[in-house]
PDB file of N, CA and C in Angstrom:
ATOM      1  N   MET A   1     -10.104 -11.374  -8.231  1.00  0.00           N
ATOM      2  CA  MET A   1      -9.439  -9.574  -8.966  1.00  0.00           C
ATOM      3  C   MET A   1      -9.146  -9.430  -7.850  1.00  0.00           C
ATOM      4  N   MET A   2      -8.199  -8.579  -7.946  1.00  0.00           N
ATOM      5  CA  MET A   2      -7.025  -8.126  -7.307  1.00  0.00           C
ATOM      6  C   MET A   2      -7.795  -6.590  -6.710  1.00  0.00           C
ATOM      7  N   LEU A   3      -7.885  -6.186  -5.112  1.00  0.00           N
ATOM      8  CA  LEU A   3      -8.353  -5.140  -4.955  1.00  0.00           C
ATOM      9  C   LEU A   3      -7.463  -4.889  -3.926  1.00  0.00           C
ATOM     10  N   PRO A   4      -6.932  -3.560  -3.415  1.00  0.00           N
ATOM     11  CA  PRO A   4      -6.099  -3.342  -2.167  1.00  0.00           C
ATOM     12  C   PRO A   4      -7.375  -3.035  -1.187  1.00  0.00           C
ATOM     13  N   PRO A   5      -5.963  -3.011   0.190  1.00  0.00           N
ATOM     14  CA  PRO A   5      -6.980  -3.115   1.396  1.00  0.00           C
ATOM     15  C   PRO A   5      -7.636  -2.627   1.470  1.00  0.00           C
ATOM     16  N   ALA A   6      -9.185  -3.099   2.305  1.00  0.00           N
ATOM     17  CA  ALA A   6     -10.021  -2.403   2.608  1.00  0.00           C
ATOM     18  C   ALA A   6     -10.033  -1.833   4.305  1.00  0.00           C
ATOM     19  N   ILE A   7      -9.408  -2.472   5.154  1.00  0.00           N
ATOM     20  CA  ILE A   7      -9.730  -2.326   6.752  1.00  0.00           C
ATOM     21  C   ILE A   7      -8.180  -2.282   6.999  1.00  0.00           C
ATOM     22  N   LEU A   8      -7.741  -2.125   8.033  1.00  0.00           N
ATOM     23  CA  LEU A   8      -6.396  -2.130   9.009  1.00  0.00           C
ATOM     24  C   LEU A   8      -7.151  -2.363  10.024  1.00  0.00           C
ATOM     25  N   ASP A   9      -6.676  -3.455  10.759  1.00  0.00           N
ATOM     26  CA  ASP A   9      -7.036  -3.678  12.108  1.00  0.00           C
ATOM     27  C   ASP A   9      -6.283  -3.603  13.211  1.00  0.00           C
ATOM     28  N   LEU A  10      -5.923  -2.781  13.729  1.00  0.00           N
ATOM     29  CA  LEU A  10      -4.702  -2.676  14.848  1.00  0.00           C
ATOM     30  C   LEU A  10      -5.532  -2.879  16.120  1.00  0.00           C
ATOM     31  N   GLU A  11      -4.640  -3.823  16.772  1.00  0.00           N
ATOM     32  CA  GLU A  11      -4.360  -3.896  18.379  1.00  0.00           C
ATOM     33  C   GLU A  11      -3.358  -4.133  19.181  1.00  0.00           C
ATOM     34  N   VAL A  12      -3.245  -3.053  20.098  1.00  0.00           N
ATOM     35  CA  VAL A  12      -2.384  -3.216  20.537  1.00  0.00           C
ATOM     36  C   VAL A  12      -2.904  -3.527  22.507  1.00  0.00           C
ATOM     37  N   ALA A  13      -2.277  -4.701  23.002  1.00  0.00           N
ATOM     38  CA  ALA A  13      -2.207  -4.790  24.099  1.00  0.00           C
ATOM     39  C   ALA A  13      -0.757  -4.820  25.267  1.00  0.00           C
ATOM     40  N   PRO A  14      -1.480  -3.863  25.940  1.00  0.00           N
ATOM     41  CA  PRO A  14       0.146  -3.362  26.790  1.00  0.00           C
ATOM     42  C   PRO A  14       0.246  -3.857  28.193  1.00  0.00           C
ATOM     43  N   PRO A  15       0.738  -4.569  28.815  1.00  0.00           N
ATOM     44  CA  PRO A  15       0.848  -4.984  29.908  1.00  0.00           C
ATOM     45  C   PRO A  15      -0.399  -4.104  30.962  1.00  0.00           C
ATOM     46  N   ASP A  16      -0.779  -4.686  32.210  1.00  0.00           N
ATOM     47  CA  ASP A  16      -1.483  -4.104  33.124  1.00  0.00           C
ATOM     48  C   ASP A  16      -2.570  -3.093  32.564  1.00  0.00           C
ATOM     49  N   ARG A  17      -2.780  -3.010  31.499  1.00  0.00           N
ATOM     50  CA  ARG A  17      -3.653  -1.980  31.057  1.00  0.00           C
ATOM     51  C   ARG A  17      -5.177  -2.688  29.782  1.00  0.00           C
ATOM     52  N   ARG A  18      -5.706  -1.979  29.475  1.00  0.00           N
ATOM     53  CA  ARG A  18      -6.811  -2.488  28.548  1.00  0.00           C
ATOM     54  C   ARG A  18      -6.376  -2.508  27.341  1.00  0.00           C
ATOM     55  N   ARG A  19      -6.567  -3.624  26.629  1.00  0.00           N
ATOM     56  CA  ARG A  19      -6.204  -3.588  25.202  1.00  0.00           C
ATOM     57  C   ARG A  19      -7.074  -2.585  24.663  1.00  0.00           C
ATOM     58  N   VAL A  20      -6.220  -1.975  23.284  1.00  0.00           N
ATOM     59  CA  VAL A  20      -6.739  -1.261  22.412  1.00  0.00           C
ATOM     60  C   VAL A  20      -6.485  -1.755  20.954  1.00  0.00           C
ATOM     61  N   ARG A  21      -8.168  -1.341  20.160  1.00  0.00           N
ATOM     62  CA  ARG A  21      -8.168  -1.930  19.367  1.00  0.00           C
ATOM     63  C   ARG A  21      -8.937  -1.274  18.180  1.00  0.00           C
ATOM     64  N   VAL A  22      -7.896  -0.797  17.587  1.00  0.00           N
ATOM     65  CA  VAL A  22      -8.676   0.463  16.009  1.00  0.00           C
ATOM     66  C   VAL A  22      -8.922  -0.092  14.715  1.00  0.00           C
ATOM     67  N   TRP A  23      -9.939  -0.034  13.835  1.00  0.00           N
ATOM     68  CA  TRP A  23     -10.262  -0.044  13.024  1.00  0.00           C
ATOM     69  C   TRP A  23     -10.053   0.673  11.683  1.00  0.00           C
ATOM     70  N   LEU A  24      -9.186   1.243  11.055  1.00  0.00           N
ATOM     71  CA  LEU A  24      -8.705   2.243   9.670  1.00  0.00           C
ATOM     72  C   LEU A  24      -9.903   1.748   8.419  1.00  0.00           C
ATOM     73  N   PRO A  25     -10.310   2.390   8.243  1.00  0.00           N
ATOM     74  CA  PRO A  25     -10.689   2.233   7.132  1.00  0.00           C
ATOM     75  C   PRO A  25     -10.242   2.605   5.931  1.00  0.00           C
ATOM     76  N   LEU A  26      -9.581   2.378   4.913  1.00  0.00           N
ATOM     77  CA  LEU A  26      -8.370   2.416   4.283  1.00  0.00           C
ATOM     78  C   LEU A  26      -9.096   2.627   3.149  1.00  0.00           C
ATOM     79  N   PHE A  27     -10.402   2.109   2.828  1.00  0.00           N
ATOM     80  CA  PHE A  27     -11.211   1.755   1.787  1.00  0.00           C
ATOM     81  C   PHE A  27     -11.639   3.640   1.479  1.00  0.00           C
ATOM     82  N   LEU A  28     -11.529   4.304   2.452  1.00  0.00           N
ATOM     83  CA  LEU A  28     -11.803   5.762   2.552  1.00  0.00           C
ATOM     84  C   LEU A  28     -11.144   6.842   1.689  1.00  0.00           C
ATOM     85  N   LEU A  29      -9.590   5.899   1.498  1.00  0.00           N
ATOM     86  CA  LEU A  29      -8.519   6.908   0.720  1.00  0.00           C
ATOM     87  C   LEU A  29      -9.093   6.243  -1.079  1.00  0.00           C
ATOM     88  N   TRP A  30      -9.569   5.928  -1.320  1.00  0.00           N
ATOM     89  CA  TRP A  30      -8.933   4.903  -2.579  1.00  0.00           C
ATOM     90  C   TRP A  30      -9.747   5.848  -3.592  1.00  0.00           C
ATOM     91  N   PRO A  31     -10.743   6.946  -3.444  1.00  0.00           N
ATOM     92  CA  PRO A  31     -10.514   7.703  -4.672  1.00  0.00           C
ATOM     93  C   PRO A  31      -9.555   8.768  -4.128  1.00  0.00           C
ATOM     94  N   LEU A  32      -9.055   9.188  -3.044  1.00  0.00           N
ATOM     95  CA  LEU A  32      -7.705  10.225  -3.350  1.00  0.00           C
ATOM     96  C   LEU A  32      -6.557   8.885  -4.270  1.00  0.00           C
ATOM     97  N   ALA A  33      -6.590   8.407  -3.824  1.00  0.00           N
ATOM     98  CA  ALA A  33      -5.275   6.845  -3.993  1.00  0.00           C
ATOM     99  C   ALA A  33      -5.822   6.897  -5.485  1.00  0.00           C
ATOM    100  N   LEU A  34      -6.868   7.205  -6.087  1.00  0.00           N
ATOM    101  CA  LEU A  34      -6.854   6.771  -7.233  1.00  0.00           C
ATOM    102  C   LEU A  34      -6.165   7.855  -8.607  1.00  0.00           C
ATOM    103  N   VAL A  35      -6.880   9.492  -7.700  1.00  0.00           N
ATOM    104  CA  VAL A  35      -6.050  10.110  -8.594  1.00  0.00           C
ATOM    105  C   VAL A  35      -5.175  10.195  -8.718  1.00  0.00           C
ATOM    106  N   LEU A  36      -4.336  10.031  -7.616  1.00  0.00           N
ATOM    107  CA  LEU A  36      -2.994  10.106  -7.279  1.00  0.00           C
ATOM    108  C   LEU A  36      -2.094   8.886  -8.158  1.00  0.00           C
ATOM    109  N   VAL A  37      -2.647   7.745  -8.656  1.00  0.00           N
ATOM    110  CA  VAL A  37      -2.125   6.893  -9.182  1.00  0.00           C
ATOM    111  C   VAL A  37      -2.406   7.260 -11.002  1.00  0.00           C
ATOM    112  N   VAL A  38      -3.581   7.861 -11.358  1.00  0.00           N
ATOM    113  CA  VAL A  38      -3.694   8.301 -12.444  1.00  0.00           C
ATOM    114  C   VAL A  38      -2.731   9.575 -13.120  1.00  0.00           C
ATOM    115  N   LEU A  39      -2.844  10.002 -12.526  1.00  0.00           N
ATOM    116  CA  LEU A  39      -1.986  11.588 -12.619  1.00  0.00           C
ATOM    117  C   LEU A  39      -0.116  10.824 -12.671  1.00  0.00           C
ATOM    118  N   ALA A  40       0.275   9.528 -11.730  1.00  0.00           N
ATOM    119  CA  ALA A  40       1.216   9.340 -11.684  1.00  0.00           C
ATOM    120  C   ALA A  40       1.849   8.300 -12.871  1.00  0.00           C
ATOM    121  N   LEU A  41       0.660   7.522 -13.066  1.00  0.00           N
ATOM    122  CA  LEU A  41       0.468   6.750 -14.384  1.00  0.00           C
ATOM    123  C   LEU A  41       0.536   8.031 -15.810  1.00  0.00           C
ATOM    124  N   VAL A  42       0.008   8.574 -15.506  1.00  0.00           N
ATOM    125  CA  VAL A  42       0.238  10.057 -16.865  1.00  0.00           C
ATOM    126  C   VAL A  42       1.704  10.252 -16.911  1.00  0.00           C
ATOM    127  N   CYS A  43       1.935  10.371 -16.023  1.00  0.00           N
ATOM    128  CA  CYS A  43       3.696  10.591 -15.714  1.00  0.00           C
ATOM    129  C   CYS A  43       5.090  10.127 -16.346  1.00  0.00           C
ATOM    130  N   THR A  44       4.361   8.598 -16.175  1.00  0.00           N
ATOM    131  CA  THR A  44       5.096   7.608 -16.001  1.00  0.00           C
ATOM    132  C   THR A  44       5.554   7.569 -17.940  1.00  0.00           C
ATOM    133  N   VAL A  45       4.119   7.227 -18.371  1.00  0.00           N
ATOM    134  CA  VAL A  45       3.825   7.116 -20.081  1.00  0.00           C
ATOM    135  C   VAL A  45       4.793   8.183 -20.333  1.00  0.00           C
ATOM    136  N   LEU A  46       4.334   8.910 -20.061  1.00  0.00           N
ATOM    137  CA  LEU A  46       5.457  10.538 -21.087  1.00  0.00           C
ATOM    138  C   LEU A  46       6.686  10.301 -20.584  1.00  0.00           C
ATOM    139  N   THR A  47       7.494  10.067 -19.521  1.00  0.00           N
ATOM    140  CA  THR A  47       8.450  10.128 -18.842  1.00  0.00           C
ATOM    141  C   THR A  47       9.018   8.494 -19.993  1.00  0.00           C
ATOM    142  N   ASP A  48       8.645   7.494 -19.539  1.00  0.00           N
ATOM    143  CA  ASP A  48       9.387   6.566 -20.499  1.00  0.00           C
ATOM    144  C   ASP A  48       9.533   6.994 -22.148  1.00  0.00           C
ATOM    145  N   PHE A  49       8.011   7.801 -22.532  1.00  0.00           N
ATOM    146  CA  PHE A  49       7.619   8.143 -24.278  1.00  0.00           C
ATOM    147  C   PHE A  49       9.285   9.201 -24.633  1.00  0.00           C
ATOM    148  N   VAL A  50       9.486   9.896 -23.455  1.00  0.00           N
ATOM    149  CA  VAL A  50      10.599  10.771 -23.974  1.00  0.00           C
ATOM    150  C   VAL A  50      11.918  10.310 -23.731  1.00  0.00           C
ATOM    151  N   LEU A  51      12.389   9.454 -22.799  1.00  0.00           N
ATOM    152  CA  LEU A  51      13.676   9.003 -22.401  1.00  0.00           C
ATOM    153  C   LEU A  51      13.536   7.978 -24.284  1.00  0.00           C
ATOM    154  N   ILE A  52      12.666   7.372 -24.818  1.00  0.00           N
ATOM    155  CA  ILE A  52      12.149   6.772 -25.604  1.00  0.00           C
ATOM    156  C   ILE A  52      12.383   7.619 -27.259  1.00  0.00           C
ATOM    157  N   VAL A  53      12.302   8.262 -27.270  1.00  0.00           N
ATOM    158  CA  VAL A  53      12.535   9.311 -28.242  1.00  0.00           C
ATOM    159  C   VAL A  53      13.669  10.314 -28.386  1.00  0.00           C
ATOM    160  N   ILE A  54      14.287  10.590 -27.095  1.00  0.00           N
ATOM    161  CA  ILE A  54      15.451  10.934 -27.144  1.00  0.00           C
ATOM    162  C   ILE A  54      16.819  10.197 -27.018  1.00  0.00           C
ATOM    163  N   GLY A  55      16.599   8.997 -27.128  1.00  0.00           N
ATOM    164  CA  GLY A  55      17.499   7.650 -27.228  1.00  0.00           C
ATOM    165  C   GLY A  55      18.919   7.455 -25.984  1.00  0.00           C
ATOM    166  N   GLN A  56      17.601   7.587 -25.338  1.00  0.00           N
ATOM    167  CA  GLN A  56      18.424   7.544 -23.650  1.00  0.00           C
ATOM    168  C   GLN A  56      17.826   6.212 -23.045  1.00  0.00           C
ATOM    169  N   ARG A  57      18.691   5.591 -22.094  1.00  0.00           N
ATOM    170  CA  ARG A  57      18.146   4.653 -22.276  1.00  0.00           C
ATOM    171  C   ARG A  57      16.933   4.258 -21.026  1.00  0.00           C
ATOM    172  N   TYR A  58      16.256   3.466 -21.812  1.00  0.00           N
ATOM    173  CA  TYR A  58      14.391   2.765 -21.159  1.00  0.00           C
ATOM    174  C   TYR A  58      14.592   2.346 -20.540  1.00  0.00           C
ATOM    175  N   HIS A  59      14.204   3.324 -18.941  1.00  0.00           N
ATOM    176  CA  HIS A  59      14.103   2.837 -17.348  1.00  0.00           C
ATOM    177  C   HIS A  59      12.858   2.306 -16.736  1.00  0.00           C
ATOM    178  N   HIS A  60      12.050   1.935 -17.814  1.00  0.00           N
ATOM    179  CA  HIS A  60      10.535   1.444 -17.535  1.00  0.00           C
ATOM    180  C   HIS A  60       9.540   1.533 -16.403  1.00  0.00           C
ATOM    181  N   TYR A  61       9.290   3.123 -16.286  1.00  0.00           N
ATOM    182  CA  TYR A  61       9.072   3.496 -14.969  1.00  0.00           C
ATOM    183  C   TYR A  61       7.566   3.671 -15.426  1.00  0.00           C
ATOM    184  N   THR A  62       7.238   2.971 -15.893  1.00  0.00           N
ATOM    185  CA  THR A  62       5.533   2.862 -16.096  1.00  0.00           C
ATOM    186  C   THR A  62       5.464   1.361 -15.650  1.00  0.00           C
ATOM    187  N   VAL A  63       6.219   0.406 -15.921  1.00  0.00           N
ATOM    188  CA  VAL A  63       6.126  -0.863 -15.681  1.00  0.00           C
ATOM    189  C   VAL A  63       6.584  -0.905 -14.146  1.00  0.00           C
ATOM    190  N   LEU A  64       6.897  -0.542 -13.129  1.00  0.00           N
ATOM    191  CA  LEU A  64       7.630   0.088 -12.331  1.00  0.00           C
ATOM    192  C   LEU A  64       6.382   0.361 -11.188  1.00  0.00           C
ATOM    193  N   LEU A  65       5.763   1.200 -11.970  1.00  0.00           N
ATOM    194  CA  LEU A  65       4.614   1.860 -11.043  1.00  0.00           C
ATOM    195  C   LEU A  65       3.509   0.534 -10.836  1.00  0.00           C
ATOM    196  N   VAL A  66       3.102  -0.247 -12.448  1.00  0.00           N
ATOM    197  CA  VAL A  66       1.953  -1.208 -12.101  1.00  0.00           C
ATOM    198  C   VAL A  66       2.180  -2.195 -11.245  1.00  0.00           C
ATOM    199  N   ARG A  67       3.947  -2.653 -11.477  1.00  0.00           N
ATOM    200  CA  ARG A  67       4.037  -3.782 -10.325  1.00  0.00           C
ATOM    201  C   ARG A  67       4.142  -3.248  -8.830  1.00  0.00           C
ATOM    202  N   SER A  68       4.058  -2.350  -8.551  1.00  0.00           N
ATOM    203  CA  SER A  68       4.104  -1.349  -7.276  1.00  0.00           C
ATOM    204  C   SER A  68       2.921  -1.831  -6.848  1.00  0.00           C
ATOM    205  N   LEU A  69       1.775  -1.123  -7.499  1.00  0.00           N
ATOM    206  CA  LEU A  69       0.529  -1.251  -7.360  1.00  0.00           C
ATOM    207  C   LEU A  69       0.060  -2.695  -7.085  1.00  0.00           C
ATOM    208  N   GLY A  70       0.306  -3.642  -8.090  1.00  0.00           N
ATOM    209  CA  GLY A  70      -0.125  -4.901  -7.451  1.00  0.00           C
ATOM    210  C   GLY A  70       0.408  -5.795  -6.265  1.00  0.00           C
ATOM    211  N   VAL A  71       1.938  -4.926  -5.957  1.00  0.00           N
ATOM    212  CA  VAL A  71       2.678  -5.463  -4.456  1.00  0.00           C
ATOM    213  C   VAL A  71       1.688  -4.852  -3.498  1.00  0.00           C
ATOM    214  N   MET A  72       0.901  -3.884  -3.664  1.00  0.00           N
ATOM    215  CA  MET A  72       0.296  -3.061  -2.367  1.00  0.00           C
ATOM    216  C   MET A  72      -1.244  -3.968  -2.673  1.00  0.00           C
ATOM    217  N   CYS A  73      -1.866  -4.096  -3.957  1.00  0.00           N
ATOM    218  CA  CYS A  73      -3.072  -5.855  -3.757  1.00  0.00           C
ATOM    219  C   CYS A  73      -2.795  -6.728  -2.925  1.00  0.00           C
ATOM    220  N   GLU A  74      -1.881  -7.305  -3.271  1.00  0.00           N
ATOM    221  CA  GLU A  74      -1.109  -8.212  -2.231  1.00  0.00           C
ATOM    222  C   GLU A  74      -0.998  -7.996  -0.848  1.00  0.00           C
ATOM    223  N   THR A  75      -1.330  -7.206  -0.692  1.00  0.00           N
ATOM    224  CA  THR A  75      -0.760  -7.092   0.947  1.00  0.00           C
ATOM    225  C   THR A  75      -2.334  -7.330   1.821  1.00  0.00           C
ATOM    226  N   ARG A  76      -2.982  -7.486   0.614  1.00  0.00           N
ATOM    227  CA  ARG A  76      -4.824  -7.968   1.349  1.00  0.00           C
ATOM    228  C   ARG A  76      -4.341  -9.593   1.913  1.00  0.00           C
ATOM    229  N   GLY A  77      -4.855  -9.627   3.042  1.00  0.00           N
ATOM    230  CA  GLY A  77      -4.982 -10.477   3.851  1.00  0.00           C
ATOM    231  C   GLY A  77      -3.547 -10.797   4.831  1.00  0.00           C
ATOM    232  N   MET A  78      -3.109  -9.874   4.885  1.00  0.00           N
ATOM    233  CA  MET A  78      -1.654 -10.171   5.332  1.00  0.00           C
ATOM    234  C   MET A  78      -2.051  -9.969   7.549  1.00  0.00           C
ATOM    235  N   VAL A  79      -0.734 -10.232   7.757  1.00  0.00           N
ATOM    236  CA  VAL A  79      -1.236 -10.440   9.211  1.00  0.00           C
ATOM    237  C   VAL A  79       0.091 -10.447   9.980  1.00  0.00           C
ATOM    238  N   VAL A  80       0.284  -9.388  10.839  1.00  0.00           N
ATOM    239  CA  VAL A  80       1.812  -9.138  11.222  1.00  0.00           C
ATOM    240  C   VAL A  80       1.462  -9.015  13.413  1.00  0.00           C
ATOM    241  N   ARG A  81       2.358  -9.521  13.779  1.00  0.00           N
ATOM    242  CA  ARG A  81       1.838 -10.190  15.020  1.00  0.00           C
ATOM    243  C   ARG A  81       3.284  -9.594  15.724  1.00  0.00           C
ATOM    244  N   ILE A  82       3.093  -8.889  16.872  1.00  0.00           N
ATOM    245  CA  ILE A  82       4.787  -8.597  17.536  1.00  0.00           C
ATOM    246  C   ILE A  82       4.765  -8.573  18.765  1.00  0.00           C
ATOM    247  N   ASN A  83       5.642  -9.211  19.841  1.00  0.00           N
ATOM    248  CA  ASN A  83       5.157  -9.605  21.088  1.00  0.00           C
ATOM    249  C   ASN A  83       7.111  -9.376  21.599  1.00  0.00           C
ATOM    250  N   ASN A  84       6.901  -8.045  22.084  1.00  0.00           N
ATOM    251  CA  ASN A  84       8.098  -8.077  23.075  1.00  0.00           C
ATOM    252  C   ASN A  84       8.324  -8.732  24.152  1.00  0.00           C
ATOM    253  N   GLY A  85       7.459  -9.719  24.821  1.00  0.00           N
ATOM    254  CA  GLY A  85       7.423  -9.955  25.859  1.00  0.00           C
ATOM    255  C   GLY A  85       6.616  -9.003  27.283  1.00  0.00           C
ATOM    256  N   THR A  86       6.645  -7.714  26.841  1.00  0.00           N
ATOM    257  CA  THR A  86       5.639  -6.585  27.301  1.00  0.00           C
ATOM    258  C   THR A  86       4.591  -6.037  26.877  1.00  0.00           C
ATOM    259  N   THR A  87       4.457  -5.960  25.846  1.00  0.00           N
ATOM    260  CA  THR A  87       3.768  -5.332  24.825  1.00  0.00           C
ATOM    261  C   THR A  87       3.275  -6.147  23.415  1.00  0.00           C
ATOM    262  N   THR A  88       1.792  -6.930  23.159  1.00  0.00           N
ATOM    263  CA  THR A  88       1.423  -7.327  21.793  1.00  0.00           C
ATOM    264  C   THR A  88       0.828  -6.561  21.034  1.00  0.00           C
ATOM    265  N   VAL A  89       1.221  -6.570  19.982  1.00  0.00           N
ATOM    266  CA  VAL A  89       0.798  -5.473  18.518  1.00  0.00           C
ATOM    267  C   VAL A  89       0.068  -6.632  17.609  1.00  0.00           C
ATOM    268  N   ASN A  90      -1.248  -6.351  17.130  1.00  0.00           N
ATOM    269  CA  ASN A  90      -1.533  -7.052  16.195  1.00  0.00           C
ATOM    270  C   ASN A  90      -2.127  -6.575  14.893  1.00  0.00           C
ATOM    271  N   MET A  91      -1.843  -6.805  13.369  1.00  0.00           N
ATOM    272  CA  MET A  91      -2.191  -6.155  12.332  1.00  0.00           C
ATOM    273  C   MET A  91      -2.409  -6.543  11.753  1.00  0.00           C
ATOM    274  N   THR A  92      -3.455  -6.631  11.174  1.00  0.00           N
ATOM    275  CA  THR A  92      -4.483  -7.483  10.112  1.00  0.00           C
ATOM    276  C   THR A  92      -5.214  -6.270   9.123  1.00  0.00           C
ATOM    277  N   VAL A  93      -4.628  -6.933   7.667  1.00  0.00           N
ATOM    278  CA  VAL A  93      -4.922  -6.034   6.716  1.00  0.00           C
ATOM    279  C   VAL A  93      -6.219  -6.517   5.940  1.00  0.00           C
ATOM    280  N   ARG A  94      -7.205  -6.424   5.622  1.00  0.00           N
ATOM    281  CA  ARG A  94      -8.223  -6.805   5.173  1.00  0.00           C
ATOM    282  C   ARG A  94      -8.706  -6.247   4.007  1.00  0.00           C
TER     283      ARG A  94
END
């Protein structure tokens, strides 16, 4: 089952300072995201339907929305590490 990311773990380690680690609970945004996704899904279905009815080129907006949600869910487990010689930034999406 594909679920969107739940926690973003961000760690910044500047030189000559103590490292800073922050956990951002993304699961708190899920209810808001659900409302926005349902609204966007209704709009894209209506847009696709209107484009079919008036005979214009069909753009598949609904498919675009569903696949972009799939890409968002696939970011779970992503690890990004940036080191420029002076500062280190580590980001983990869980």
